[in-house]
């Protein structure tokens, strides 16, 4: 099972923008066919989840595949993240 996870903080403007892109990605029908689970954690409420994943700044994006998790490092616009996901 593959998952793409966004860790964010409400007070962070970069998180607000990433949240909008993440919402759009999670509703994309082509990505649904790839069986990617989209998860979101507000680090002001889900503190334990954020600590568990070693969140260092906001927004923090991770991709998990076959039990292995790594941090997404790339542009946070729709097309960049979309291209990343379809290549996985």
PDB file of N, CA and C in Angstrom:
ATOM      1  N   UNK A   1       0.842  -1.195   0.000  1.00  0.00           N
ATOM      2  CA  UNK A   1       0.000   0.000   0.000  1.00  0.00           C
ATOM      3  C   UNK A   1       0.878   1.246   0.000  1.00  0.00           C
ATOM      4  N   UNK A   2       0.619   2.146  -0.914  1.00  0.00           N
ATOM      5  CA  UNK A   2       1.376   3.384  -1.032  1.00  0.00           C
ATOM      6  C   UNK A   2       0.597   4.531  -0.414  1.00  0.00           C
ATOM      7  N   UNK A   3       1.315   5.419   0.254  1.00  0.00           N
ATOM      8  CA  UNK A   3       0.636   6.579   0.828  1.00  0.00           C
ATOM      9  C   UNK A   3       1.486   7.831   0.668  1.00  0.00           C
ATOM     10  N   UNK A   4       0.797   8.937   0.539  1.00  0.00           N
ATOM     11  CA  UNK A   4       1.415  10.254   0.458  1.00  0.00           C
ATOM     12  C   UNK A   4       0.821  11.042   1.612  1.00  0.00           C
ATOM     13  N   UNK A   5       1.681  11.560   2.469  1.00  0.00           N
ATOM     14  CA  UNK A   5       1.213  12.179   3.704  1.00  0.00           C
ATOM     15  C   UNK A   5       1.711  13.606   3.831  1.00  0.00           C
ATOM     16  N   UNK A   6       0.796  14.481   4.206  1.00  0.00           N
ATOM     17  CA  UNK A   6       1.101  15.890   4.449  1.00  0.00           C
ATOM     18  C   UNK A   6       1.008  16.157   5.944  1.00  0.00           C
ATOM     19  N   UNK A   7       2.068  16.695   6.498  1.00  0.00           N
ATOM     20  CA  UNK A   7       2.093  17.165   7.882  1.00  0.00           C
ATOM     21  C   UNK A   7       2.132  18.682   7.805  1.00  0.00           C
ATOM     22  N   UNK A   8       1.226  19.343   8.505  1.00  0.00           N
ATOM     23  CA  UNK A   8       1.115  20.792   8.352  1.00  0.00           C
ATOM     24  C   UNK A   8       0.780  21.473   9.670  1.00  0.00           C
ATOM     25  N   UNK A   9       0.871  22.799   9.641  1.00  0.00           N
ATOM     26  CA  UNK A   9       0.458  23.637  10.769  1.00  0.00           C
ATOM     27  C   UNK A   9      -0.461  24.718  10.216  1.00  0.00           C
ATOM     28  N   UNK A  10      -1.576  24.940  10.898  1.00  0.00           N
ATOM     29  CA  UNK A  10      -2.562  25.923  10.424  1.00  0.00           C
ATOM     30  C   UNK A  10      -2.000  27.328  10.282  1.00  0.00           C
ATOM     31  N   UNK A  11      -1.069  27.695  11.145  1.00  0.00           N
ATOM     32  CA  UNK A  11      -0.535  29.054  11.147  1.00  0.00           C
ATOM     33  C   UNK A  11       0.493  29.299  10.043  1.00  0.00           C
ATOM     34  N   UNK A  12       0.904  28.258   9.341  1.00  0.00           N
ATOM     35  CA  UNK A  12       1.961  28.351   8.324  1.00  0.00           C
ATOM     36  C   UNK A  12       1.358  28.584   6.938  1.00  0.00           C
ATOM     37  N   UNK A  13       1.725  29.698   6.297  1.00  0.00           N
ATOM     38  CA  UNK A  13       1.170  30.010   4.973  1.00  0.00           C
ATOM     39  C   UNK A  13       1.607  28.990   3.920  1.00  0.00           C
ATOM     40  N   UNK A  14       2.819  28.453   4.042  1.00  0.00           N
ATOM     41  CA  UNK A  14       3.268  27.422   3.097  1.00  0.00           C
ATOM     42  C   UNK A  14       2.422  26.155   3.251  1.00  0.00           C
ATOM     43  N   UNK A  15       2.032  25.857   4.485  1.00  0.00           N
ATOM     44  CA  UNK A  15       1.157  24.709   4.737  1.00  0.00           C
ATOM     45  C   UNK A  15      -0.216  24.924   4.125  1.00  0.00           C
ATOM     46  N   UNK A  16      -0.723  26.139   4.221  1.00  0.00           N
ATOM     47  CA  UNK A  16      -2.034  26.455   3.645  1.00  0.00           C
ATOM     48  C   UNK A  16      -2.019  26.207   2.148  1.00  0.00           C
ATOM     49  N   UNK A  17      -0.970  26.661   1.478  1.00  0.00           N
ATOM     50  CA  UNK A  17      -0.850  26.436   0.032  1.00  0.00           C
ATOM     51  C   UNK A  17      -0.690  24.954  -0.287  1.00  0.00           C
ATOM     52  N   UNK A  18       0.146  24.263   0.471  1.00  0.00           N
ATOM     53  CA  UNK A  18       0.358  22.831   0.237  1.00  0.00           C
ATOM     54  C   UNK A  18      -0.925  22.044   0.474  1.00  0.00           C
ATOM     55  N   UNK A  19      -1.710  22.464   1.448  1.00  0.00           N
ATOM     56  CA  UNK A  19      -2.974  21.801   1.749  1.00  0.00           C
ATOM     57  C   UNK A  19      -3.929  21.880   0.560  1.00  0.00           C
ATOM     58  N   UNK A  20      -3.970  23.016  -0.107  1.00  0.00           N
ATOM     59  CA  UNK A  20      -4.831  23.184  -1.286  1.00  0.00           C
ATOM     60  C   UNK A  20      -4.391  22.262  -2.416  1.00  0.00           C
ATOM     61  N   UNK A  21      -3.089  22.190  -2.639  1.00  0.00           N
ATOM     62  CA  UNK A  21      -2.558  21.306  -3.682  1.00  0.00           C
ATOM     63  C   UNK A  21      -2.823  19.851  -3.308  1.00  0.00           C
ATOM     64  N   UNK A  22      -2.608  19.514  -2.056  1.00  0.00           N
ATOM     65  CA  UNK A  22      -2.820  18.151  -1.573  1.00  0.00           C
ATOM     66  C   UNK A  22      -4.273  17.729  -1.747  1.00  0.00           C
ATOM     67  N   UNK A  23      -5.184  18.632  -1.457  1.00  0.00           N
ATOM     68  CA  UNK A  23      -6.617  18.354  -1.636  1.00  0.00           C
ATOM     69  C   UNK A  23      -6.918  18.033  -3.097  1.00  0.00           C
ATOM     70  N   UNK A  24      -6.364  18.822  -3.980  1.00  0.00           N
ATOM     71  CA  UNK A  24      -6.576  18.599  -5.418  1.00  0.00           C
ATOM     72  C   UNK A  24      -5.996  17.246  -5.847  1.00  0.00           C
ATOM     73  N   UNK A  25      -4.805  16.927  -5.366  1.00  0.00           N
ATOM     74  CA  UNK A  25      -4.189  15.642  -5.696  1.00  0.00           C
ATOM     75  C   UNK A  25      -5.032  14.479  -5.185  1.00  0.00           C
ATOM     76  N   UNK A  26      -5.539  14.610  -3.974  1.00  0.00           N
ATOM     77  CA  UNK A  26      -6.307  13.511  -3.376  1.00  0.00           C
ATOM     78  C   UNK A  26      -7.627  13.265  -4.093  1.00  0.00           C
ATOM     79  N   UNK A  27      -8.079  14.233  -4.864  1.00  0.00           N
ATOM     80  CA  UNK A  27      -9.322  14.081  -5.629  1.00  0.00           C
ATOM     81  C   UNK A  27      -9.093  13.732  -7.092  1.00  0.00           C
ATOM     82  N   UNK A  28      -7.850  13.590  -7.498  1.00  0.00           N
ATOM     83  CA  UNK A  28      -7.525  13.309  -8.894  1.00  0.00           C
ATOM     84  C   UNK A  28      -7.832  11.846  -9.225  1.00  0.00           C
ATOM     85  N   UNK A  29      -8.691  11.620 -10.202  1.00  0.00           N
ATOM     86  CA  UNK A  29      -9.119  10.262 -10.556  1.00  0.00           C
ATOM     87  C   UNK A  29      -7.979   9.394 -11.082  1.00  0.00           C
ATOM     88  N   UNK A  30      -7.038   9.976 -11.810  1.00  0.00           N
ATOM     89  CA  UNK A  30      -5.910   9.190 -12.318  1.00  0.00           C
ATOM     90  C   UNK A  30      -5.053   8.668 -11.169  1.00  0.00           C
ATOM     91  N   UNK A  31      -4.890   9.473 -10.140  1.00  0.00           N
ATOM     92  CA  UNK A  31      -4.103   9.033  -8.987  1.00  0.00           C
ATOM     93  C   UNK A  31      -4.853   7.992  -8.169  1.00  0.00           C
ATOM     94  N   UNK A  32      -6.178   8.056  -8.148  1.00  0.00           N
ATOM     95  CA  UNK A  32      -6.970   7.040  -7.438  1.00  0.00           C
ATOM     96  C   UNK A  32      -6.720   5.661  -8.032  1.00  0.00           C
ATOM     97  N   UNK A  33      -6.520   5.601  -9.333  1.00  0.00           N
ATOM     98  CA  UNK A  33      -6.275   4.318  -9.999  1.00  0.00           C
ATOM     99  C   UNK A  33      -4.936   3.711  -9.584  1.00  0.00           C
ATOM    100  N   UNK A  34      -4.035   4.542  -9.038  1.00  0.00           N
ATOM    101  CA  UNK A  34      -2.731   4.050  -8.590  1.00  0.00           C
ATOM    102  C   UNK A  34      -2.772   3.545  -7.145  1.00  0.00           C
ATOM    103  N   UNK A  35      -3.964   3.579  -6.540  1.00  0.00           N
ATOM    104  CA  UNK A  35      -4.156   3.095  -5.166  1.00  0.00           C
ATOM    105  C   UNK A  35      -3.232   3.774  -4.156  1.00  0.00           C
ATOM    106  N   UNK A  36      -3.140   5.080  -4.267  1.00  0.00           N
ATOM    107  CA  UNK A  36      -2.373   5.867  -3.304  1.00  0.00           C
ATOM    108  C   UNK A  36      -3.334   6.379  -2.237  1.00  0.00           C
ATOM    109  N   UNK A  37      -2.984   6.160  -0.995  1.00  0.00           N
ATOM    110  CA  UNK A  37      -3.753   6.697   0.121  1.00  0.00           C
ATOM    111  C   UNK A  37      -3.174   8.060   0.480  1.00  0.00           C
ATOM    112  N   UNK A  38      -4.044   9.041   0.629  1.00  0.00           N
ATOM    113  CA  UNK A  38      -3.617  10.396   0.993  1.00  0.00           C
ATOM    114  C   UNK A  38      -3.983  10.641   2.455  1.00  0.00           C
ATOM    115  N   UNK A  39      -2.977  11.007   3.247  1.00  0.00           N
ATOM    116  CA  UNK A  39      -3.174  11.271   4.674  1.00  0.00           C
ATOM    117  C   UNK A  39      -2.744  12.699   4.984  1.00  0.00           C
ATOM    118  N   UNK A  40      -3.435  13.285   5.948  1.00  0.00           N
ATOM    119  CA  UNK A  40      -3.099  14.641   6.395  1.00  0.00           C
ATOM    120  C   UNK A  40      -3.091  14.687   7.910  1.00  0.00           C
ATOM    121  N   UNK A  41      -2.072  15.325   8.466  1.00  0.00           N
ATOM    122  CA  UNK A  41      -1.992  15.485   9.911  1.00  0.00           C
ATOM    123  C   UNK A  41      -1.679  16.929  10.252  1.00  0.00           C
ATOM    124  N   UNK A  42      -2.527  17.511  11.077  1.00  0.00           N
ATOM    125  CA  UNK A  42      -2.296  18.849  11.601  1.00  0.00           C
ATOM    126  C   UNK A  42      -1.397  18.680  12.824  1.00  0.00           C
ATOM    127  N   UNK A  43      -0.181  19.130  12.733  1.00  0.00           N
ATOM    128  CA  UNK A  43       0.798  18.894  13.802  1.00  0.00           C
ATOM    129  C   UNK A  43       0.490  19.651  15.088  1.00  0.00           C
ATOM    130  N   UNK A  44      -0.450  20.570  15.049  1.00  0.00           N
ATOM    131  CA  UNK A  44      -0.866  21.249  16.267  1.00  0.00           C
ATOM    132  C   UNK A  44      -1.858  20.378  17.049  1.00  0.00           C
ATOM    133  N   UNK A  45      -2.491  19.422  16.351  1.00  0.00           N
ATOM    134  CA  UNK A  45      -3.447  18.510  16.985  1.00  0.00           C
ATOM    135  C   UNK A  45      -2.916  17.080  17.062  1.00  0.00           C
ATOM    136  N   UNK A  46      -2.248  16.635  16.007  1.00  0.00           N
ATOM    137  CA  UNK A  46      -1.731  15.266  15.920  1.00  0.00           C
ATOM    138  C   UNK A  46      -0.241  15.241  16.256  1.00  0.00           C
ATOM    139  N   UNK A  47       0.087  15.718  17.426  1.00  0.00           N
ATOM    140  CA  UNK A  47       1.484  15.899  17.828  1.00  0.00           C
ATOM    141  C   UNK A  47       2.256  14.587  17.774  1.00  0.00           C
ATOM    142  N   UNK A  48       1.682  13.499  18.269  1.00  0.00           N
ATOM    143  CA  UNK A  48       2.378  12.211  18.298  1.00  0.00           C
ATOM    144  C   UNK A  48       2.734  11.722  16.896  1.00  0.00           C
ATOM    145  N   UNK A  49       1.808  11.856  15.955  1.00  0.00           N
ATOM    146  CA  UNK A  49       2.082  11.442  14.573  1.00  0.00           C
ATOM    147  C   UNK A  49       3.265  12.222  14.016  1.00  0.00           C
ATOM    148  N   UNK A  50       3.282  13.509  14.275  1.00  0.00           N
ATOM    149  CA  UNK A  50       4.343  14.362  13.739  1.00  0.00           C
ATOM    150  C   UNK A  50       5.688  14.037  14.386  1.00  0.00           C
ATOM    151  N   UNK A  51       5.681  13.742  15.667  1.00  0.00           N
ATOM    152  CA  UNK A  51       6.910  13.335  16.345  1.00  0.00           C
ATOM    153  C   UNK A  51       7.398  11.993  15.818  1.00  0.00           C
ATOM    154  N   UNK A  52       6.471  11.079  15.601  1.00  0.00           N
ATOM    155  CA  UNK A  52       6.815   9.739  15.108  1.00  0.00           C
ATOM    156  C   UNK A  52       7.521   9.807  13.756  1.00  0.00           C
ATOM    157  N   UNK A  53       7.084  10.731  12.899  1.00  0.00           N
ATOM    158  CA  UNK A  53       7.670  10.850  11.566  1.00  0.00           C
ATOM    159  C   UNK A  53       8.815  11.855  11.507  1.00  0.00           C
ATOM    160  N   UNK A  54       9.191  12.419  12.644  1.00  0.00           N
ATOM    161  CA  UNK A  54      10.342  13.315  12.684  1.00  0.00           C
ATOM    162  C   UNK A  54      10.152  14.608  11.916  1.00  0.00           C
ATOM    163  N   UNK A  55       8.938  15.130  11.931  1.00  0.00           N
ATOM    164  CA  UNK A  55       8.647  16.365  11.204  1.00  0.00           C
ATOM    165  C   UNK A  55       9.547  17.481  11.725  1.00  0.00           C
ATOM    166  N   UNK A  56      10.251  18.129  10.799  1.00  0.00           N
ATOM    167  CA  UNK A  56      11.203  19.169  11.168  1.00  0.00           C
ATOM    168  C   UNK A  56      10.732  20.567  10.797  1.00  0.00           C
ATOM    169  N   UNK A  57       9.857  20.659   9.816  1.00  0.00           N
ATOM    170  CA  UNK A  57       9.332  21.960   9.391  1.00  0.00           C
ATOM    171  C   UNK A  57       8.011  21.728   8.680  1.00  0.00           C
ATOM    172  N   UNK A  58       7.370  22.813   8.316  1.00  0.00           N
ATOM    173  CA  UNK A  58       6.048  22.732   7.679  1.00  0.00           C
ATOM    174  C   UNK A  58       6.074  23.414   6.327  1.00  0.00           C
ATOM    175  N   UNK A  59       5.367  22.874   5.377  1.00  0.00           N
ATOM    176  CA  UNK A  59       4.766  21.545   5.369  1.00  0.00           C
ATOM    177  C   UNK A  59       5.836  20.466   5.204  1.00  0.00           C
ATOM    178  N   UNK A  60       5.523  19.284   5.661  1.00  0.00           N
ATOM    179  CA  UNK A  60       6.417  18.121   5.597  1.00  0.00           C
ATOM    180  C   UNK A  60       5.646  17.041   4.857  1.00  0.00           C
ATOM    181  N   UNK A  61       6.207  16.537   3.785  1.00  0.00           N
ATOM    182  CA  UNK A  61       5.530  15.525   2.969  1.00  0.00           C
ATOM    183  C   UNK A  61       6.354  14.246   2.952  1.00  0.00           C
ATOM    184  N   UNK A  62       5.674  13.120   3.122  1.00  0.00           N
ATOM    185  CA  UNK A  62       6.359  11.836   3.041  1.00  0.00           C
ATOM    186  C   UNK A  62       5.623  10.921   2.067  1.00  0.00           C
ATOM    187  N   UNK A  63       6.375  10.003   1.487  1.00  0.00           N
ATOM    188  CA  UNK A  63       5.808   8.981   0.614  1.00  0.00           C
ATOM    189  C   UNK A  63       6.211   7.633   1.192  1.00  0.00           C
ATOM    190  N   UNK A  64       5.250   6.738   1.329  1.00  0.00           N
ATOM    191  CA  UNK A  64       5.512   5.406   1.862  1.00  0.00           C
ATOM    192  C   UNK A  64       5.127   4.371   0.816  1.00  0.00           C
ATOM    193  N   UNK A  65       6.051   3.446   0.568  1.00  0.00           N
ATOM    194  CA  UNK A  65       5.813   2.361  -0.380  1.00  0.00           C
ATOM    195  C   UNK A  65       6.502   1.110   0.154  1.00  0.00           C
ATOM    196  N   UNK A  66       5.779   0.005   0.168  1.00  0.00           N
ATOM    197  CA  UNK A  66       6.318  -1.274   0.648  1.00  0.00           C
ATOM    198  C   UNK A  66       6.942  -1.148   2.034  1.00  0.00           C
ATOM    199  N   UNK A  67       6.310  -0.367   2.896  1.00  0.00           N
ATOM    200  CA  UNK A  67       6.774  -0.224   4.268  1.00  0.00           C
ATOM    201  C   UNK A  67       7.939   0.720   4.467  1.00  0.00           C
ATOM    202  N   UNK A  68       8.440   1.308   3.394  1.00  0.00           N
ATOM    203  CA  UNK A  68       9.569   2.229   3.489  1.00  0.00           C
ATOM    204  C   UNK A  68       9.079   3.660   3.281  1.00  0.00           C
ATOM    205  N   UNK A  69       9.423   4.553   4.201  1.00  0.00           N
ATOM    206  CA  UNK A  69       8.978   5.944   4.144  1.00  0.00           C
ATOM    207  C   UNK A  69      10.159   6.859   3.882  1.00  0.00           C
ATOM    208  N   UNK A  70       9.958   7.797   2.966  1.00  0.00           N
ATOM    209  CA  UNK A  70      10.985   8.814   2.749  1.00  0.00           C
ATOM    210  C   UNK A  70      10.335  10.174   2.579  1.00  0.00           C
ATOM    211  N   UNK A  71      11.112  11.201   2.842  1.00  0.00           N
ATOM    212  CA  UNK A  71      10.626  12.578   2.771  1.00  0.00           C
ATOM    213  C   UNK A  71      10.602  13.031   1.319  1.00  0.00           C
ATOM    214  N   UNK A  72       9.478  13.623   0.919  1.00  0.00           N
ATOM    215  CA  UNK A  72       9.370  14.212  -0.417  1.00  0.00           C
ATOM    216  C   UNK A  72      10.140  15.525  -0.407  1.00  0.00           C
ATOM    217  N   UNK A  73      11.102  15.631  -1.304  1.00  0.00           N
ATOM    218  CA  UNK A  73      11.857  16.871  -1.472  1.00  0.00           C
ATOM    219  C   UNK A  73      11.645  17.312  -2.910  1.00  0.00           C
ATOM    220  N   UNK A  74      10.922  18.369  -3.083  1.00  0.00           N
ATOM    221  CA  UNK A  74      10.632  18.861  -4.422  1.00  0.00           C
ATOM    222  C   UNK A  74       9.703  20.051  -4.344  1.00  0.00           C
ATOM    223  N   UNK A  75       9.367  20.560  -5.494  1.00  0.00           N
ATOM    224  CA  UNK A  75       8.441  21.686  -5.554  1.00  0.00           C
ATOM    225  C   UNK A  75       7.092  21.246  -5.015  1.00  0.00           C
ATOM    226  N   UNK A  76       6.388  22.176  -4.409  1.00  0.00           N
ATOM    227  CA  UNK A  76       5.102  21.845  -3.799  1.00  0.00           C
ATOM    228  C   UNK A  76       3.926  22.328  -4.632  1.00  0.00           C
ATOM    229  N   UNK A  77       4.123  22.405  -5.929  1.00  0.00           N
ATOM    230  CA  UNK A  77       3.007  22.760  -6.808  1.00  0.00           C
ATOM    231  C   UNK A  77       2.350  21.474  -7.311  1.00  0.00           C
ATOM    232  N   UNK A  78       1.156  21.625  -7.844  1.00  0.00           N
ATOM    233  CA  UNK A  78       0.365  20.474  -8.274  1.00  0.00           C
ATOM    234  C   UNK A  78       1.122  19.602  -9.282  1.00  0.00           C
ATOM    235  N   UNK A  79       1.634  20.202 -10.336  1.00  0.00           N
ATOM    236  CA  UNK A  79       2.251  19.423 -11.409  1.00  0.00           C
ATOM    237  C   UNK A  79       3.482  18.661 -10.929  1.00  0.00           C
ATOM    238  N   UNK A  80       4.293  19.280 -10.102  1.00  0.00           N
ATOM    239  CA  UNK A  80       5.498  18.605  -9.595  1.00  0.00           C
ATOM    240  C   UNK A  80       5.147  17.402  -8.731  1.00  0.00           C
ATOM    241  N   UNK A  81       4.198  17.576  -7.827  1.00  0.00           N
ATOM    242  CA  UNK A  81       3.812  16.454  -6.964  1.00  0.00           C
ATOM    243  C   UNK A  81       3.076  15.382  -7.753  1.00  0.00           C
ATOM    244  N   UNK A  82       2.251  15.790  -8.694  1.00  0.00           N
ATOM    245  CA  UNK A  82       1.541  14.832  -9.548  1.00  0.00           C
ATOM    246  C   UNK A  82       2.554  13.981 -10.322  1.00  0.00           C
ATOM    247  N   UNK A  83       3.521  14.633 -10.957  1.00  0.00           N
ATOM    248  CA  UNK A  83       4.534  13.907 -11.723  1.00  0.00           C
ATOM    249  C   UNK A  83       5.315  12.946 -10.833  1.00  0.00           C
ATOM    250  N   UNK A  84       5.632  13.375  -9.639  1.00  0.00           N
ATOM    251  CA  UNK A  84       6.321  12.511  -8.688  1.00  0.00           C
ATOM    252  C   UNK A  84       5.486  11.258  -8.402  1.00  0.00           C
ATOM    253  N   UNK A  85       4.212  11.445  -8.124  1.00  0.00           N
ATOM    254  CA  UNK A  85       3.351  10.319  -7.748  1.00  0.00           C
ATOM    255  C   UNK A  85       3.140   9.333  -8.889  1.00  0.00           C
ATOM    256  N   UNK A  86       2.990   9.809 -10.106  1.00  0.00           N
ATOM    257  CA  UNK A  86       2.756   8.860 -11.202  1.00  0.00           C
ATOM    258  C   UNK A  86       4.024   8.098 -11.579  1.00  0.00           C
ATOM    259  N   UNK A  87       5.182   8.589 -11.166  1.00  0.00           N
ATOM    260  CA  UNK A  87       6.442   7.888 -11.448  1.00  0.00           C
ATOM    261  C   UNK A  87       6.772   6.832 -10.397  1.00  0.00           C
ATOM    262  N   UNK A  88       6.027   6.801  -9.315  1.00  0.00           N
ATOM    263  CA  UNK A  88       6.341   5.855  -8.224  1.00  0.00           C
ATOM    264  C   UNK A  88       5.816   4.466  -8.523  1.00  0.00           C
TER     265      UNK A  88
END
